[in-house]
């Protein structure tokens, strides 16, 4: 794993701290900043409930996105770096923060015409009167500084324009190759502070990149940032690959491959770029997925005309059978604590969702609506299960782990394969168009169903899997 950066989180602190893997060091901000004493919000609680400041409603979707000003981050000194000149990096960082917050559907960044030029000293001494006149409720300011060792320092500050107070600050020391991550981390700190929700912008998506006609598709593993940047292919397309999923530690990816026309489970090491065989079996095998602790890989296997859920140690070994119903059991996904598994089965005569204990005991059906249910996956928050609903069209929906509160979030012809964002507020999936030349693309939808957007990819895409927040 690449040591991406040194992260400092000093929310509501009087100075900007940067902590590395061993020793914490203090880096002074570019100008004195007012100290604040309000406590950070608890997870899932709007920031204003505790701090008395600006509140962003995560349930409101696009009904009232918060106006936010994000001027260009100035450079302490204009210096050429491997990432570009520091002033160019500052412009691009501001764009990344603005795009992340805009894509959440909860914020409306002000247009460039309303953004004044900000100097480095002004980063910690905002022109509140000016920003108040623009209609912005929140203000994000930051700076970029090139360091003598070749790294970059990026500062990120959040202000409540109406109350003229600082709400949060965060700082990063990054190698030039990871400068975009500083922008995502800055956006995460703003999103988290104003909504009380967990972060999700500094994360990655692995998926199957596809080319060619529907009957003869070339399928390659690909990985990218959640906004589509830093895209790269992991396999060459000589063998069909399916259903990639991240390991909890983000160092590897488990996936299906038909190399040699034999379905097999591999674990791809992101550091070395090498796949490792885990299960190779002439029986048809489906949808491998890691357990939350990374010890097990859950998958389905068809033997003797029957398909059941199995698990195998992540390092390989003899698979253990968890279900033994006469129907087709597949699509298993662990609960966040690893104690339960959700899966799909047609044992009742139709494709429905079931849950069971991690050892296969206490199997219970939880879906009872019309149509069929497929590809269930447990939210990282543990409160919901996402699924594909098949009833004429294919749609993405959610329900509680007990089966209650079913809601459909999309309404297209063929949406399937949901995967949760790290904070459990957004779902990625793939959407296929009609016809023999139809394409598949990656999309995202939030839990309100109001915020939906396409994820840019160089080619067609399917089977997306969202990874955890990056450290």
Protein backbone atom coordinates (compact mmCIF):
# COMPACT_ATOMS: atom_id res chain seq x y z
CA UNK A 1 0.00 0.00 0.00
CA UNK A 2 1.24 3.47 -0.85
CA UNK A 3 1.55 5.73 2.11
CA UNK A 4 -0.73 8.33 0.61
CA UNK A 5 -0.46 11.24 2.98
CA UNK A 6 -0.25 12.51 6.50
CA UNK A 7 -3.71 13.51 7.64
CA UNK A 8 -4.57 15.99 10.32
CA UNK A 9 -8.00 16.41 11.63
CA UNK A 10 -8.31 19.25 14.11
CA UNK A 11 -11.98 20.08 13.95
CA UNK A 12 -12.81 23.16 16.00
CA UNK A 13 -9.27 23.47 17.35
CA UNK A 14 -7.21 26.64 17.68
CA UNK A 15 -4.41 25.42 15.41
CA UNK A 16 -3.81 23.22 12.42
CA UNK A 17 -2.28 19.84 13.31
CA UNK A 18 -0.75 17.26 11.06
CA UNK A 19 -0.18 13.75 12.36
CA UNK A 20 1.93 11.12 10.71
CA UNK A 21 2.33 7.44 11.28
CA UNK A 22 4.60 7.99 14.25
CA UNK A 23 5.02 11.59 15.42
CA UNK A 24 2.50 14.45 15.42
CA UNK A 25 3.78 17.86 14.38
CA UNK A 26 2.10 21.24 14.56
CA UNK A 27 1.98 23.39 11.47
CA UNK A 28 0.83 26.97 12.05
CA UNK A 29 -1.94 28.32 9.83
CA UNK A 30 -1.10 31.14 7.39
CA UNK A 31 -2.58 33.76 9.74
CA UNK A 32 -4.03 33.76 13.27
CA UNK A 33 -7.40 32.06 13.40
CA UNK A 34 -10.14 32.57 15.97
CA UNK A 35 -10.48 29.74 18.44
CA UNK A 36 -13.86 28.03 18.76
CA UNK A 37 -15.10 25.76 21.49
CA UNK A 38 -18.22 24.04 20.11
CA UNK A 39 -18.05 20.26 20.14
CA UNK A 40 -18.12 18.22 16.96
CA UNK A 41 -21.51 16.59 16.25
CA UNK A 42 -22.23 12.95 16.89
CA UNK A 43 -22.51 10.72 13.83
CA UNK A 44 -25.90 11.07 12.20
CA UNK A 45 -26.75 14.30 14.05
CA UNK A 46 -26.84 17.66 12.22
CA UNK A 47 -24.00 19.91 13.30
CA UNK A 48 -26.26 22.76 14.32
CA UNK A 49 -27.99 20.62 16.95
CA UNK A 50 -24.90 20.85 19.12
CA UNK A 51 -22.91 23.82 17.90
CA UNK A 52 -25.80 26.16 17.18
CA UNK A 53 -24.48 26.78 13.67
CA UNK A 54 -25.48 26.00 10.11
CA UNK A 55 -27.52 22.82 9.58
CA UNK A 56 -27.85 20.87 6.31
CA UNK A 57 -30.86 18.56 6.00
CA UNK A 58 -29.70 15.23 4.57
CA UNK A 59 -33.28 14.09 4.04
CA UNK A 60 -34.28 17.10 1.94
CA UNK A 61 -32.48 15.96 -1.21
CA UNK A 62 -32.60 18.62 -3.93
CA UNK A 63 -35.46 20.57 -2.37
CA UNK A 64 -33.22 23.14 -0.68
CA UNK A 65 -29.49 22.66 -1.34
CA UNK A 66 -27.34 24.97 0.77
CA UNK A 67 -25.59 27.83 -1.08
CA UNK A 68 -21.86 27.57 -0.41
CA UNK A 69 -18.94 29.70 -1.56
CA UNK A 70 -15.71 27.92 -2.50
CA UNK A 71 -13.20 30.45 -3.88
CA UNK A 72 -9.91 29.39 -5.43
CA UNK A 73 -7.37 28.28 -2.84
CA UNK A 74 -4.41 30.68 -3.06
CA UNK A 75 -0.78 29.56 -3.09
CA UNK A 76 1.61 30.74 -0.41
CA UNK A 77 4.15 30.98 -3.22
CA UNK A 78 3.79 30.04 -6.89
CA UNK A 79 6.15 27.11 -7.42
CA UNK A 80 6.24 24.38 -10.05
CA UNK A 81 5.66 20.90 -8.65
CA UNK A 82 5.08 17.44 -10.20
CA UNK A 83 1.35 18.12 -9.67
CA UNK A 84 1.59 21.43 -11.55
CA UNK A 85 2.19 24.95 -10.34
CA UNK A 86 0.84 25.61 -6.86
CA UNK A 87 -1.62 28.24 -8.13
CA UNK A 88 -3.04 25.75 -10.68
CA UNK A 89 -3.32 23.10 -7.96
CA UNK A 90 -5.24 25.58 -5.81
CA UNK A 91 -7.75 26.18 -8.60
CA UNK A 92 -8.23 22.48 -9.19
CA UNK A 93 -8.58 21.70 -5.49
CA UNK A 94 -11.40 24.22 -5.20
CA UNK A 95 -13.09 22.60 -8.20
CA UNK A 96 -12.83 19.15 -6.61
CA UNK A 97 -14.38 20.37 -3.35
CA UNK A 98 -17.16 22.16 -5.26
CA UNK A 99 -17.92 19.14 -7.46
CA UNK A 100 -17.99 16.71 -4.54
CA UNK A 101 -20.41 18.88 -2.56
CA UNK A 102 -22.56 19.61 -5.62
CA UNK A 103 -22.78 15.91 -6.49
CA UNK A 104 -24.11 15.15 -3.00
CA UNK A 105 -27.23 17.13 -3.94
CA UNK A 106 -27.08 18.98 -0.61
CA UNK A 107 -25.05 22.01 -1.70
CA UNK A 108 -25.11 24.61 -4.47
CA UNK A 109 -21.62 26.11 -4.99
CA UNK A 110 -21.75 29.75 -6.08
CA UNK A 111 -20.85 30.45 -9.73
CA UNK A 112 -17.32 31.77 -10.47
CA UNK A 113 -18.60 35.32 -11.11
CA UNK A 114 -19.53 35.60 -7.43
CA UNK A 115 -16.22 34.30 -6.11
CA UNK A 116 -13.70 36.98 -5.18
CA UNK A 117 -9.98 36.39 -5.21
CA UNK A 118 -8.75 35.38 -1.76
CA UNK A 119 -5.25 36.05 -0.45
CA UNK A 120 -3.42 33.69 1.87
CA UNK A 121 -3.87 35.92 4.96
CA UNK A 122 -7.60 36.18 4.18
CA UNK A 123 -7.98 32.39 4.42
CA UNK A 124 -8.29 32.70 8.20
CA UNK A 125 -9.83 36.18 8.20
CA UNK A 126 -12.85 35.90 5.87
CA UNK A 127 -14.58 38.91 4.31
CA UNK A 128 -17.89 37.98 5.89
CA UNK A 129 -19.72 41.09 4.72
CA UNK A 130 -18.88 40.34 1.09
CA UNK A 131 -19.82 36.67 1.30
CA UNK A 132 -23.03 37.49 3.12
CA UNK A 133 -24.04 39.66 0.16
CA UNK A 134 -23.64 36.75 -2.25
CA UNK A 135 -26.29 34.64 -0.54
CA UNK A 136 -23.78 32.01 0.58
CA UNK A 137 -24.62 30.39 3.90
CA UNK A 138 -21.29 28.57 4.21
CA UNK A 139 -17.79 29.49 3.07
CA UNK A 140 -14.85 27.20 2.32
CA UNK A 141 -11.38 28.71 2.09
CA UNK A 142 -7.98 27.08 1.91
CA UNK A 143 -4.43 27.43 0.71
CA UNK A 144 -1.65 25.43 -0.97
CA UNK A 145 2.02 25.49 0.01
CA UNK A 146 4.96 23.65 -1.55
CA UNK A 147 7.32 22.17 1.02
CA UNK A 148 11.07 21.74 0.81
CA UNK A 149 10.81 17.94 0.75
CA UNK A 150 8.62 17.99 -2.37
CA UNK A 151 5.31 17.47 -0.55
CA UNK A 152 2.36 19.87 -0.57
CA UNK A 153 0.54 21.32 2.42
CA UNK A 154 -3.18 21.95 1.88
CA UNK A 155 -5.26 23.84 4.44
CA UNK A 156 -9.07 23.68 4.49
CA UNK A 157 -11.35 25.95 6.57
CA UNK A 158 -15.14 26.05 6.91
CA UNK A 159 -17.06 29.13 8.05
CA UNK A 160 -20.68 29.94 8.88
CA UNK A 161 -21.28 33.20 7.01
CA UNK A 162 -24.31 34.35 9.00
CA UNK A 163 -22.78 33.87 12.45
CA UNK A 164 -19.28 34.84 11.23
CA UNK A 165 -17.69 31.87 12.96
CA UNK A 166 -15.23 29.17 12.02
CA UNK A 167 -16.85 25.73 12.07
CA UNK A 168 -13.97 23.44 11.15
CA UNK A 169 -10.42 23.28 9.89
CA UNK A 170 -8.40 20.45 8.47
CA UNK A 171 -4.92 20.19 7.03
CA UNK A 172 -2.97 17.71 4.95
CA UNK A 173 0.58 17.05 3.86
CA UNK A 174 0.42 15.09 0.62
CA UNK A 175 2.85 13.84 -2.01
CA UNK A 176 2.15 15.51 -5.37
CA UNK A 177 0.70 12.27 -6.73
CA UNK A 178 -2.09 12.40 -4.14
CA UNK A 179 -3.04 16.06 -4.33
CA UNK A 180 -6.60 15.21 -5.44
CA UNK A 181 -7.16 13.28 -2.21
CA UNK A 182 -6.60 16.46 -0.22
CA UNK A 183 -9.55 17.98 -2.11
CA UNK A 184 -11.76 14.98 -1.38
CA UNK A 185 -10.73 14.99 2.30
CA UNK A 186 -11.52 18.70 2.50
CA UNK A 187 -14.97 18.07 0.99
CA UNK A 188 -15.48 15.19 3.42
CA UNK A 189 -14.73 17.40 6.43
CA UNK A 190 -17.26 20.00 5.23
CA UNK A 191 -19.93 17.42 4.45
CA UNK A 192 -19.43 15.70 7.81
CA UNK A 193 -19.42 18.93 9.83
CA UNK A 194 -22.58 20.32 8.24
CA UNK A 195 -24.64 17.13 7.96
CA UNK A 196 -23.47 15.00 10.89
CA UNK A 197 -23.07 12.11 8.43
CA UNK A 198 -19.90 10.14 7.80
CA UNK A 199 -17.50 10.94 4.93
CA UNK A 200 -17.52 9.26 1.52
CA UNK A 201 -15.77 11.44 -1.07
CA UNK A 202 -12.24 10.09 -0.51
CA UNK A 203 -13.10 6.57 -1.62
CA UNK A 204 -12.74 4.36 -4.68
CA UNK A 205 -14.96 2.24 -6.89
CA UNK A 206 -13.90 -1.01 -8.56
CA UNK A 207 -16.03 -2.26 -11.45
CA UNK A 208 -16.13 -4.30 -14.65
CA UNK A 209 -15.24 -2.23 -17.72
CA UNK A 210 -16.97 -3.54 -20.86
CA UNK A 211 -16.56 -3.17 -24.60
CA UNK A 212 -18.02 -4.94 -27.63
CA UNK A 213 -21.50 -6.20 -28.54
CA UNK A 214 -23.73 -7.68 -25.86
CA UNK A 215 -23.15 -11.24 -27.07
CA UNK A 216 -19.37 -10.93 -27.04
CA UNK A 217 -18.27 -8.51 -24.36
CA UNK A 218 -14.68 -7.92 -23.33
CA UNK A 219 -14.67 -7.45 -19.55
CA UNK A 220 -11.79 -5.99 -17.56
CA UNK A 221 -11.40 -5.04 -13.92
CA UNK A 222 -10.98 -1.29 -13.46
CA UNK A 223 -10.58 0.99 -10.46
CA UNK A 224 -11.09 4.74 -10.02
CA UNK A 225 -11.87 7.43 -7.49
CA UNK A 226 -15.57 7.78 -6.70
CA UNK A 227 -15.77 10.81 -9.02
CA UNK A 228 -14.25 8.90 -11.96
CA UNK A 229 -10.73 10.36 -11.70
CA UNK A 230 -7.48 8.35 -11.51
CA UNK A 231 -8.98 5.58 -13.64
CA UNK A 232 -6.87 2.53 -14.42
CA UNK A 233 -7.40 -1.02 -15.67
CA UNK A 234 -6.32 -3.96 -13.52
CA UNK A 235 -6.76 -6.84 -15.99
CA UNK A 236 -6.20 -7.10 -19.74
CA UNK A 237 -9.54 -8.54 -20.84
CA UNK A 238 -8.24 -11.91 -22.01
CA UNK A 239 -10.55 -13.63 -19.52
CA UNK A 240 -14.06 -12.68 -18.45
CA UNK A 241 -14.17 -11.14 -14.96
CA UNK A 242 -17.22 -10.49 -12.79
CA UNK A 243 -18.36 -9.10 -9.42
CA UNK A 244 -15.23 -7.44 -7.98
CA UNK A 245 -15.39 -6.49 -4.28
CA UNK A 246 -12.88 -4.68 -2.04
CA UNK A 247 -11.25 -6.29 0.96
CA UNK A 248 -11.90 -4.36 4.19
CA UNK A 249 -8.25 -3.21 4.29
CA UNK A 250 -8.49 -1.97 0.66
CA UNK A 251 -5.26 -3.76 -0.23
CA UNK A 252 -6.93 -6.36 -2.43
CA UNK A 253 -10.01 -7.14 -4.50
CA UNK A 254 -11.84 -10.46 -4.75
CA UNK A 255 -13.45 -11.29 -8.09
CA UNK A 256 -14.70 -14.03 -10.39
CA UNK A 257 -12.72 -15.09 -13.43
CA UNK A 258 -13.38 -17.58 -16.22
CA UNK A 259 -9.74 -18.09 -17.11
CA UNK A 260 -9.47 -21.38 -18.96
CA UNK A 261 -13.29 -21.43 -19.04
CA UNK A 262 -13.34 -22.64 -15.44
CA UNK A 263 -15.08 -20.37 -12.91
CA UNK A 264 -12.60 -19.41 -10.23
CA UNK A 265 -12.27 -16.96 -7.36
CA UNK A 266 -9.17 -14.78 -7.29
CA UNK A 267 -7.86 -12.11 -4.94
CA UNK A 268 -6.07 -9.30 -6.75
CA UNK A 269 -3.33 -7.57 -4.74
CA UNK A 270 -3.36 -3.85 -5.54
CA UNK A 271 0.22 -3.40 -4.39
CA UNK A 272 1.86 -6.06 -6.56
CA UNK A 273 -0.75 -6.15 -9.32
CA UNK A 274 -0.91 -9.94 -9.08
CA UNK A 275 -3.98 -12.17 -8.73
CA UNK A 276 -3.98 -15.10 -6.28
CA UNK A 277 -6.19 -18.15 -6.80
CA UNK A 278 -8.53 -18.94 -3.89
CA UNK A 279 -11.12 -21.37 -5.30
CA UNK A 280 -11.00 -23.16 -8.65
CA UNK A 281 -13.90 -25.47 -9.35
CA UNK A 282 -15.64 -26.86 -12.40
CA UNK A 283 -18.92 -26.07 -10.64
CA UNK A 284 -20.45 -22.69 -11.43
CA UNK A 285 -19.42 -20.11 -8.84
CA UNK A 286 -20.91 -16.67 -8.17
CA UNK A 287 -20.37 -13.32 -6.48
CA UNK A 288 -17.52 -13.61 -3.93
CA UNK A 289 -17.45 -11.05 -1.10
CA UNK A 290 -15.20 -10.53 1.93
CA UNK A 291 -16.43 -10.71 5.50
CA UNK A 292 -16.01 -7.43 7.47
CA UNK A 293 -12.94 -8.76 9.27
CA UNK A 294 -11.38 -10.02 6.03
CA UNK A 295 -11.06 -13.60 7.31
CA UNK A 296 -13.67 -15.15 5.02
CA UNK A 297 -14.87 -14.94 1.45
CA UNK A 298 -18.57 -15.59 0.96
CA UNK A 299 -19.71 -16.98 -2.40
CA UNK A 300 -22.27 -19.21 -4.11
CA UNK A 301 -21.53 -22.47 -5.86
CA UNK A 302 -23.69 -24.80 -7.97
CA UNK A 303 -23.01 -28.50 -7.43
CA UNK A 304 -25.22 -31.43 -8.34
CA UNK A 305 -27.87 -29.16 -9.79
CA UNK A 306 -28.20 -27.15 -6.57
CA UNK A 307 -26.79 -23.72 -5.73
CA UNK A 308 -25.91 -22.83 -2.14
CA UNK A 309 -23.99 -20.24 -0.12
CA UNK A 310 -20.45 -21.19 0.92
CA UNK A 311 -17.60 -19.51 2.70
CA UNK A 312 -13.88 -20.10 2.39
CA UNK A 313 -10.92 -18.73 4.33
CA UNK A 314 -9.53 -15.68 2.51
CA UNK A 315 -6.18 -17.43 2.22
CA UNK A 316 -7.82 -20.44 0.60
CA UNK A 317 -8.81 -23.88 1.82
CA UNK A 318 -11.85 -26.14 1.81
CA UNK A 319 -15.15 -24.26 1.29
CA UNK A 320 -17.77 -24.59 4.02
CA UNK A 321 -21.40 -24.95 2.99
CA UNK A 322 -23.84 -22.61 4.80
CA UNK A 323 -27.20 -23.33 3.10
CA UNK A 324 -28.74 -26.60 1.95
CA UNK A 325 -32.12 -25.66 0.49
CA UNK A 326 -33.41 -27.33 -2.69
CA UNK A 327 -33.59 -23.93 -4.42
CA UNK A 328 -30.99 -21.49 -5.72
CA UNK A 329 -29.27 -19.56 -2.90
CA UNK A 330 -26.88 -16.82 -4.01
CA UNK A 331 -25.84 -13.20 -3.59
CA UNK A 332 -24.64 -13.28 0.02
CA UNK A 333 -23.56 -10.13 1.90
CA UNK A 334 -22.44 -9.79 5.54
CA UNK A 335 -23.91 -7.36 8.06
CA UNK A 336 -21.35 -4.74 9.22
CA UNK A 337 -20.60 -6.65 12.43
CA UNK A 338 -20.21 -9.95 10.56
CA UNK A 339 -22.88 -11.69 12.63
CA UNK A 340 -25.47 -12.14 9.86
CA UNK A 341 -25.71 -12.69 6.13
CA UNK A 342 -28.34 -11.51 3.68
CA UNK A 343 -28.87 -13.53 0.50
CA UNK A 344 -31.41 -14.31 -2.20
CA UNK A 345 -33.20 -17.62 -2.68
CA UNK A 346 -36.02 -19.04 -4.79
CA UNK A 347 -36.79 -21.80 -2.25
CA UNK A 348 -40.31 -20.36 -1.80
CA UNK A 349 -41.03 -20.51 -5.52
CA UNK A 350 -39.88 -17.00 -6.35
CA UNK A 351 -36.67 -15.02 -5.95
CA UNK A 352 -36.80 -13.43 -2.46
CA UNK A 353 -34.47 -12.04 0.22
CA UNK A 354 -33.46 -14.04 3.30
CA UNK A 355 -31.21 -13.42 6.29
CA UNK A 356 -29.33 -15.94 8.42
CA UNK A 357 -26.66 -16.09 11.08
CA UNK A 358 -23.06 -16.12 9.84
CA UNK A 359 -22.83 -19.88 10.51
CA UNK A 360 -25.90 -20.57 8.33
CA UNK A 361 -28.40 -21.00 11.17
CA UNK A 362 -31.74 -19.25 11.65
CA UNK A 363 -32.60 -18.65 7.98
CA UNK A 364 -35.59 -16.33 7.59
CA UNK A 365 -37.34 -14.73 4.65
CA UNK A 366 -37.73 -10.92 4.90
CA UNK A 367 -39.16 -9.82 1.51
CA UNK A 368 -42.82 -10.36 0.69
CA UNK A 369 -43.64 -7.75 -1.94
CA UNK A 370 -44.71 -8.44 -5.50
CA UNK A 371 -42.08 -9.29 -8.09
CA UNK A 372 -38.63 -10.73 -7.50
CA UNK A 373 -35.70 -9.55 -5.37
CA UNK A 374 -32.02 -9.94 -6.19
CA UNK A 375 -28.46 -8.82 -5.30
CA UNK A 376 -29.11 -7.84 -1.65
CA UNK A 377 -26.31 -5.99 0.14
CA UNK A 378 -26.15 -4.78 3.73
CA UNK A 379 -25.56 -1.09 4.44
CA UNK A 380 -22.30 -0.27 6.28
CA UNK A 381 -24.51 1.46 8.88
CA UNK A 382 -26.44 -1.78 9.40
CA UNK A 383 -29.83 -0.08 9.14
CA UNK A 384 -30.82 -0.98 5.57
CA UNK A 385 -30.44 -3.62 2.88
CA UNK A 386 -30.25 -2.50 -0.75
CA UNK A 387 -31.51 -4.80 -3.52
CA UNK A 388 -32.58 -5.08 -7.14
CA UNK A 389 -36.37 -5.28 -7.54
CA UNK A 390 -37.52 -7.12 -10.68
CA UNK A 391 -41.13 -6.36 -11.55
CA UNK A 392 -41.37 -5.55 -15.23
CA UNK A 393 -38.38 -3.22 -14.95
CA UNK A 394 -35.28 -3.58 -12.78
CA UNK A 395 -35.10 -0.98 -10.01
CA UNK A 396 -32.89 -0.26 -7.00
CA UNK A 397 -34.60 -0.33 -3.60
CA UNK A 398 -33.94 -0.51 0.13
CA UNK A 399 -35.63 -2.13 3.11
CA UNK A 400 -34.86 -2.68 6.78
CA UNK A 401 -33.10 -5.90 7.86
CA UNK A 402 -36.46 -7.10 9.16
CA UNK A 403 -38.08 -6.50 5.76
CA UNK A 404 -40.04 -3.37 6.62
CA UNK A 405 -40.03 0.08 5.04
CA UNK A 406 -39.41 -1.03 1.46
CA UNK A 407 -38.70 1.93 -0.87
CA UNK A 408 -37.70 2.02 -4.53
CA UNK A 409 -35.10 4.68 -5.35
CA UNK A 410 -34.80 4.44 -9.15
CA UNK A 411 -37.26 4.14 -12.01
CA UNK A 412 -35.44 3.13 -15.16
CA UNK A 413 -35.66 0.14 -17.47
CA UNK A 414 -32.80 -1.91 -16.01
CA UNK A 415 -30.98 -0.80 -12.85
CA UNK A 416 -29.17 -3.47 -10.85
CA UNK A 417 -26.19 -4.42 -8.71
CA UNK A 418 -26.33 -1.92 -5.80
CA UNK A 419 -23.26 -1.15 -3.68
CA UNK A 420 -23.16 1.22 -0.70
CA UNK A 421 -21.01 4.30 -0.15
CA UNK A 422 -18.82 4.11 2.99
CA UNK A 423 -21.28 6.24 4.98
CA UNK A 424 -24.43 4.39 3.87
CA UNK A 425 -26.06 7.48 2.33
CA UNK A 426 -25.47 6.81 -1.39
CA UNK A 427 -25.74 3.72 -3.59
CA UNK A 428 -23.87 3.01 -6.80
CA UNK A 429 -25.34 0.64 -9.39
CA UNK A 430 -25.29 0.00 -13.12
CA UNK A 431 -27.94 0.90 -15.67
CA UNK A 432 -28.38 -0.94 -18.98
CA UNK A 433 -30.12 0.45 -22.06
CA UNK A 434 -32.38 -1.52 -24.37
CA UNK A 435 -31.50 -3.36 -27.57
CA UNK A 436 -28.71 -5.55 -28.88
CA UNK A 437 -26.37 -2.55 -28.93
CA UNK A 438 -27.43 -1.39 -25.49
CA UNK A 439 -24.80 0.00 -23.11
CA UNK A 440 -24.24 -0.36 -19.39
CA UNK A 441 -23.15 2.65 -17.34
CA UNK A 442 -22.42 3.33 -13.69
CA UNK A 443 -24.75 5.55 -11.67
CA UNK A 444 -25.28 6.79 -8.12
CA UNK A 445 -28.49 7.55 -6.21
CA UNK A 446 -28.93 8.87 -2.68
CA UNK A 447 -31.35 7.51 -0.10
CA UNK A 448 -33.97 10.13 -0.90
CA UNK A 449 -34.08 8.93 -4.52
CA UNK A 450 -33.95 12.58 -5.59
CA UNK A 451 -30.24 12.86 -6.32
CA UNK A 452 -29.12 10.65 -9.18
CA UNK A 453 -26.07 11.05 -11.42
CA UNK A 454 -24.00 9.14 -13.92
CA UNK A 455 -20.38 8.31 -13.05
CA UNK A 456 -18.00 9.07 -15.93
CA UNK A 457 -16.06 6.04 -17.23
CA UNK A 458 -14.00 5.72 -20.44
CA UNK A 459 -15.97 2.63 -21.55
CA UNK A 460 -19.18 0.85 -20.54
CA UNK A 461 -19.33 -0.34 -16.94
CA UNK A 462 -21.12 -2.88 -14.73
CA UNK A 463 -20.84 -4.62 -11.32
CA UNK A 464 -19.63 -1.58 -9.35
CA UNK A 465 -18.38 -2.01 -5.79
CA UNK A 466 -17.73 0.96 -3.52
CA UNK A 467 -14.72 0.68 -1.26
CA UNK A 468 -14.33 1.97 2.31
CA UNK A 469 -13.21 5.49 3.10
CA UNK A 470 -9.46 5.72 2.52
CA UNK A 471 -7.22 6.26 5.56
